[in-house]
N, C-alpha and C. Protein backbone atom coordinates (compact mmCIF):
# COMPACT_ATOMS: atom_id res chain seq x y z
N MET A 1 0.82 -1.26 0.03
CA MET A 1 0.08 -0.17 0.10
C MET A 1 0.96 1.12 -0.17
N ASN A 2 0.56 2.11 -1.02
CA ASN A 2 1.47 3.22 -0.86
C ASN A 2 0.82 4.34 0.24
N ARG A 3 1.92 5.39 0.32
CA ARG A 3 1.51 6.36 1.54
C ARG A 3 0.08 7.10 1.17
N LYS A 4 -0.07 7.48 0.04
CA LYS A 4 -1.58 8.22 -0.34
C LYS A 4 -2.54 7.22 0.07
N ASN A 5 -2.55 6.12 -0.08
CA ASN A 5 -3.52 5.23 0.14
C ASN A 5 -3.70 5.16 1.57
N GLU A 6 -2.65 5.19 2.24
CA GLU A 6 -2.75 5.16 3.77
C GLU A 6 -3.44 6.24 4.26
N ILE A 7 -3.34 7.47 3.70
CA ILE A 7 -3.94 8.70 4.26
C ILE A 7 -5.52 8.51 3.76
N GLN A 8 -5.73 7.91 2.66
CA GLN A 8 -7.23 7.89 2.34
C GLN A 8 -7.84 6.92 3.41
N LEU A 9 -7.14 5.98 3.76
CA LEU A 9 -7.60 5.06 4.60
C LEU A 9 -7.86 5.64 6.12
N ASP A 10 -6.97 6.37 6.36
CA ASP A 10 -7.23 7.10 7.86
C ASP A 10 -8.25 8.18 7.62
N ALA A 11 -8.57 8.76 6.44
CA ALA A 11 -9.54 9.72 6.62
C ALA A 11 -10.98 9.19 6.47
N GLU A 12 -10.99 7.71 6.47
CA GLU A 12 -12.43 7.01 6.53
C GLU A 12 -12.31 6.71 8.13
N ALA A 13 -11.15 6.71 9.01
CA ALA A 13 -11.15 6.19 10.20
C ALA A 13 -11.13 7.50 11.27
N ALA A 14 -11.21 8.63 10.54
CA ALA A 14 -11.01 9.87 11.40
C ALA A 14 -12.26 9.94 12.69
N ALA A 15 -12.02 10.92 13.57
CA ALA A 15 -12.84 11.10 14.75
C ALA A 15 -14.34 11.25 14.36
N HIS A 16 -15.17 10.67 15.28
CA HIS A 16 -16.42 10.69 15.04
C HIS A 16 -16.97 12.02 14.94
N PRO A 17 -17.96 12.66 13.77
CA PRO A 17 -18.19 14.10 13.79
C PRO A 17 -18.84 14.59 15.06
N ASP A 18 -19.69 13.66 15.74
CA ASP A 18 -20.59 13.98 16.75
C ASP A 18 -19.90 14.39 18.21
N SER A 19 -18.69 13.86 18.21
CA SER A 19 -18.01 14.00 19.57
C SER A 19 -17.30 15.47 19.85
N GLU A 20 -17.26 15.81 20.76
CA GLU A 20 -16.80 17.24 21.45
C GLU A 20 -15.30 17.25 20.88
N ILE A 21 -14.66 16.06 20.98
CA ILE A 21 -13.09 16.12 20.48
C ILE A 21 -13.03 16.25 19.09
N ALA A 22 -13.85 15.70 18.42
CA ALA A 22 -13.76 15.90 16.98
C ALA A 22 -14.17 17.34 16.68
N GLY A 23 -14.99 17.79 17.24
CA GLY A 23 -15.50 19.25 17.11
C GLY A 23 -13.99 20.21 17.42
N LEU A 24 -13.65 19.87 18.34
CA LEU A 24 -12.31 20.74 18.87
C LEU A 24 -11.27 20.64 17.89
N ALA A 25 -10.90 19.35 17.25
CA ALA A 25 -9.99 19.00 16.43
C ALA A 25 -10.07 19.73 15.16
N ARG A 26 -11.48 20.22 14.63
CA ARG A 26 -11.52 20.77 13.26
C ARG A 26 -11.11 22.25 13.40
N LEU A 27 -10.84 22.66 14.72
CA LEU A 27 -10.36 24.06 14.89
C LEU A 27 -8.94 24.19 14.83
N ILE A 28 -8.31 23.05 14.92
CA ILE A 28 -6.78 23.23 15.14
C ILE A 28 -5.98 22.90 13.60
N ASP A 29 -4.88 23.72 13.65
CA ASP A 29 -4.10 23.77 12.52
C ASP A 29 -2.82 22.76 13.12
N HIS A 30 -2.65 21.87 12.53
CA HIS A 30 -1.46 20.91 12.79
C HIS A 30 -0.22 21.35 12.28
N THR A 31 0.67 21.92 13.05
CA THR A 31 1.79 22.74 12.63
C THR A 31 3.20 22.12 12.76
N LEU A 32 3.94 22.27 11.57
CA LEU A 32 5.50 21.85 11.57
C LEU A 32 6.11 22.80 10.86
N LEU A 33 6.93 23.80 11.62
CA LEU A 33 7.68 24.89 10.82
C LEU A 33 9.13 24.80 10.94
N ALA A 34 9.51 23.67 11.44
CA ALA A 34 10.97 23.65 11.55
C ALA A 34 11.58 23.45 10.13
N PRO A 35 12.55 24.33 9.97
CA PRO A 35 13.15 24.42 8.49
C PRO A 35 13.77 23.00 8.23
N GLU A 36 14.08 22.35 9.18
CA GLU A 36 14.96 20.87 8.95
C GLU A 36 13.98 19.77 8.79
N ALA A 37 12.52 20.08 8.73
CA ALA A 37 11.48 19.11 8.47
C ALA A 37 11.73 18.32 7.42
N SER A 38 11.60 17.05 7.35
CA SER A 38 11.94 16.08 6.29
C SER A 38 10.55 15.84 5.62
N ARG A 39 10.76 15.15 4.55
CA ARG A 39 9.52 14.85 3.61
C ARG A 39 8.51 13.58 4.57
N ASP A 40 9.47 12.84 5.12
CA ASP A 40 8.92 11.79 5.88
C ASP A 40 8.12 12.70 7.23
N ASP A 41 8.71 13.57 7.61
CA ASP A 41 8.03 14.55 8.86
C ASP A 41 6.59 14.82 8.31
N ILE A 42 6.63 15.55 7.02
CA ILE A 42 5.49 16.10 6.57
C ILE A 42 4.33 14.90 6.33
N ARG A 43 4.83 13.84 5.69
CA ARG A 43 3.87 12.48 5.60
C ARG A 43 3.09 12.21 6.98
N LYS A 44 4.23 12.11 8.01
CA LYS A 44 3.48 11.97 9.36
C LYS A 44 2.57 12.98 9.75
N LEU A 45 2.87 14.07 9.67
CA LEU A 45 2.14 15.30 9.93
C LEU A 45 0.62 15.33 9.25
N CYS A 46 0.68 14.78 7.91
CA CYS A 46 -0.60 14.72 7.22
C CYS A 46 -1.30 13.58 7.81
N ARG A 47 -0.57 12.17 7.96
CA ARG A 47 -1.30 11.26 8.56
C ARG A 47 -2.06 11.58 9.80
N GLU A 48 -1.36 12.42 10.67
CA GLU A 48 -1.97 12.63 11.97
C GLU A 48 -3.19 13.55 11.85
N ALA A 49 -3.13 14.37 10.97
CA ALA A 49 -4.17 15.49 10.62
C ALA A 49 -5.33 14.86 10.32
N VAL A 50 -5.37 14.00 9.30
CA VAL A 50 -6.37 13.26 8.73
C VAL A 50 -6.88 12.35 9.73
N HIS A 51 -6.06 11.66 10.41
CA HIS A 51 -6.80 10.77 11.34
C HIS A 51 -7.45 11.46 12.59
N PHE A 52 -6.88 12.70 13.15
CA PHE A 52 -7.49 13.37 14.08
C PHE A 52 -8.45 14.25 13.69
N GLY A 53 -8.50 14.43 12.43
CA GLY A 53 -9.60 15.32 11.88
C GLY A 53 -9.28 16.93 12.10
N PHE A 54 -7.85 17.24 11.93
CA PHE A 54 -7.70 18.62 12.14
C PHE A 54 -7.88 19.48 11.22
N ALA A 55 -8.16 20.80 11.20
CA ALA A 55 -8.60 21.58 10.07
C ALA A 55 -7.47 21.76 9.07
N SER A 56 -6.33 21.91 9.47
CA SER A 56 -5.23 22.11 8.33
C SER A 56 -3.83 21.49 8.84
N VAL A 57 -2.93 21.43 8.08
CA VAL A 57 -1.51 21.16 7.99
C VAL A 57 -0.72 22.79 8.01
N CYS A 58 -0.02 23.29 8.83
CA CYS A 58 0.66 24.40 8.66
C CYS A 58 2.19 24.20 8.40
N ILE A 59 2.71 24.34 7.17
CA ILE A 59 3.90 24.01 6.95
C ILE A 59 4.76 24.97 6.16
N ASN A 60 6.03 24.92 5.92
CA ASN A 60 6.73 25.88 5.30
C ASN A 60 6.24 25.83 3.80
N PRO A 61 6.66 26.85 3.08
CA PRO A 61 6.14 26.74 1.67
C PRO A 61 6.71 25.65 0.82
N TRP A 62 8.16 25.23 1.07
CA TRP A 62 8.65 24.13 0.10
C TRP A 62 8.06 22.78 0.13
N HIS A 63 7.27 22.52 1.26
CA HIS A 63 6.47 21.41 1.56
C HIS A 63 5.13 21.49 0.99
N VAL A 64 4.54 22.46 0.47
CA VAL A 64 3.18 22.65 0.22
C VAL A 64 2.87 21.50 -0.99
N PRO A 65 3.53 21.52 -2.02
CA PRO A 65 3.16 20.38 -3.06
C PRO A 65 3.05 19.08 -2.61
N LEU A 66 3.92 18.74 -1.72
CA LEU A 66 3.81 17.26 -0.97
C LEU A 66 2.46 17.13 -0.20
N ALA A 67 2.40 17.93 0.66
CA ALA A 67 1.18 17.93 1.36
C ALA A 67 -0.16 18.22 0.66
N ALA A 68 -0.29 19.10 -0.35
CA ALA A 68 -1.47 19.16 -1.12
C ALA A 68 -1.76 17.78 -1.96
N ASP A 69 -0.57 17.07 -2.19
CA ASP A 69 -0.80 15.74 -3.09
C ASP A 69 -1.46 14.71 -1.86
N LEU A 70 -0.71 14.76 -0.91
CA LEU A 70 -1.18 13.67 0.21
C LEU A 70 -2.46 14.01 0.73
N LEU A 71 -2.84 15.15 0.77
CA LEU A 71 -4.17 15.73 1.61
C LEU A 71 -5.32 15.58 0.44
N ARG A 72 -5.18 15.38 -0.85
CA ARG A 72 -6.13 15.56 -1.80
C ARG A 72 -7.19 14.74 -1.51
N GLY A 73 -8.49 14.80 -1.46
CA GLY A 73 -9.53 14.06 -1.31
C GLY A 73 -9.96 13.90 0.13
N THR A 74 -9.18 14.82 1.05
CA THR A 74 -9.59 14.51 2.39
C THR A 74 -10.23 16.02 2.75
N ASN A 75 -10.70 16.26 4.15
CA ASN A 75 -11.11 17.52 4.44
C ASN A 75 -10.17 18.24 5.09
N VAL A 76 -8.78 17.75 5.13
CA VAL A 76 -7.60 18.59 5.74
C VAL A 76 -7.12 19.66 4.89
N LYS A 77 -6.97 20.85 5.09
CA LYS A 77 -6.59 21.86 4.08
C LYS A 77 -5.17 22.16 4.51
N VAL A 78 -4.38 22.72 3.52
CA VAL A 78 -3.08 23.00 3.53
C VAL A 78 -2.76 24.52 3.76
N CYS A 79 -1.90 24.90 4.88
CA CYS A 79 -1.65 26.17 5.15
C CYS A 79 -0.10 26.62 5.13
N THR A 80 0.12 27.60 4.73
CA THR A 80 1.63 27.93 4.79
C THR A 80 2.01 29.36 5.43
N VAL A 81 3.22 29.53 5.60
CA VAL A 81 3.41 31.00 6.28
C VAL A 81 4.50 31.50 5.03
N VAL A 82 4.66 32.77 5.15
CA VAL A 82 5.74 33.38 4.31
C VAL A 82 6.61 34.32 5.18
N GLY A 83 7.71 34.34 5.25
CA GLY A 83 8.52 34.99 6.24
C GLY A 83 8.53 34.67 7.71
N PHE A 84 8.33 33.45 7.94
CA PHE A 84 8.23 32.88 9.55
C PHE A 84 9.34 32.91 9.84
N SER A 85 10.57 32.23 9.27
CA SER A 85 11.78 32.13 9.65
C SER A 85 12.75 32.90 9.09
N ALA A 86 12.40 33.83 8.18
CA ALA A 86 13.38 34.54 7.41
C ALA A 86 14.34 35.57 8.13
N ARG A 87 13.70 35.77 9.29
CA ARG A 87 14.75 36.84 10.28
C ARG A 87 16.01 35.90 10.59
N ARG A 88 15.54 34.66 11.15
CA ARG A 88 16.39 33.67 11.83
C ARG A 88 17.52 33.34 10.72
N ASN A 89 17.07 33.08 9.37
CA ASN A 89 17.82 32.41 8.31
C ASN A 89 18.59 33.38 7.43
N ALA A 90 18.09 34.52 7.49
CA ALA A 90 18.63 35.58 6.48
C ALA A 90 20.07 36.04 6.88
N SER A 91 20.73 36.12 5.75
CA SER A 91 22.19 36.61 5.78
C SER A 91 22.09 38.28 6.05
N ALA A 92 23.33 38.81 6.40
CA ALA A 92 23.24 40.22 6.73
C ALA A 92 22.96 41.00 5.30
N GLY A 93 23.03 40.58 4.29
CA GLY A 93 22.94 41.34 3.06
C GLY A 93 21.73 41.05 2.30
N GLU A 94 20.87 39.91 2.96
CA GLU A 94 19.64 39.51 2.22
C GLU A 94 18.48 40.49 2.42
N ASN A 95 17.70 40.75 1.49
CA ASN A 95 16.71 41.66 1.47
C ASN A 95 15.38 40.74 1.80
N LEU A 96 14.94 41.06 3.33
CA LEU A 96 13.74 40.09 3.83
C LEU A 96 12.67 40.27 2.77
N ARG A 97 12.27 41.38 2.25
CA ARG A 97 11.14 41.52 1.58
C ARG A 97 11.18 40.56 0.25
N SER A 98 12.32 40.78 -0.56
CA SER A 98 12.32 39.62 -1.64
C SER A 98 12.47 38.21 -1.36
N GLY A 99 12.83 37.73 -0.10
CA GLY A 99 12.72 36.49 0.34
C GLY A 99 11.57 36.05 0.32
N ARG A 100 10.49 36.89 1.02
CA ARG A 100 9.22 36.64 1.32
C ARG A 100 8.53 36.46 0.21
N VAL A 101 8.74 37.37 -0.92
CA VAL A 101 8.23 37.17 -2.44
C VAL A 101 8.54 35.98 -2.96
N HIS A 102 9.64 35.53 -2.65
CA HIS A 102 10.23 34.19 -3.21
C HIS A 102 9.48 32.98 -2.59
N GLN A 103 9.28 33.14 -1.23
CA GLN A 103 8.30 32.15 -0.47
C GLN A 103 7.19 31.90 -1.06
N ALA A 104 6.53 33.21 -1.27
CA ALA A 104 5.08 33.06 -1.78
C ALA A 104 4.91 32.71 -2.99
N ARG A 105 5.80 32.95 -3.83
CA ARG A 105 5.82 32.40 -5.09
C ARG A 105 6.01 30.76 -5.18
N SER A 106 7.22 30.28 -4.41
CA SER A 106 7.34 28.94 -4.30
C SER A 106 5.95 28.22 -3.82
N ALA A 107 5.57 28.86 -2.77
CA ALA A 107 4.30 27.92 -2.38
C ALA A 107 3.21 27.81 -3.34
N GLY A 108 3.10 28.58 -4.36
CA GLY A 108 1.95 28.45 -5.18
C GLY A 108 2.16 27.33 -6.33
N ASN A 109 3.65 26.86 -6.37
CA ASN A 109 4.22 25.80 -7.22
C ASN A 109 3.67 24.46 -6.77
């Protein structure tokens, strides 16, 4: 079974819509913004989001295509940030604004 099918199966086993916990879960953005997060970390995050019925996964822009593919056909949305860690990762000469524009453009691909 491939990873995409695993997520589809988890979607069927998500929390019961009538429970209080499921109602709360639908308000949560499951987040992983560590710049060193791997593709496997994003796969795990997506599986958890579907399993628990979270509203979205919030990830860095370069992981958006993977998450969008994994979550296609589920109720979990993909959320990203622009410039979240730019200050921490920026070199002295980097223009933060152009870095944010680049991140925004890359998230759309």
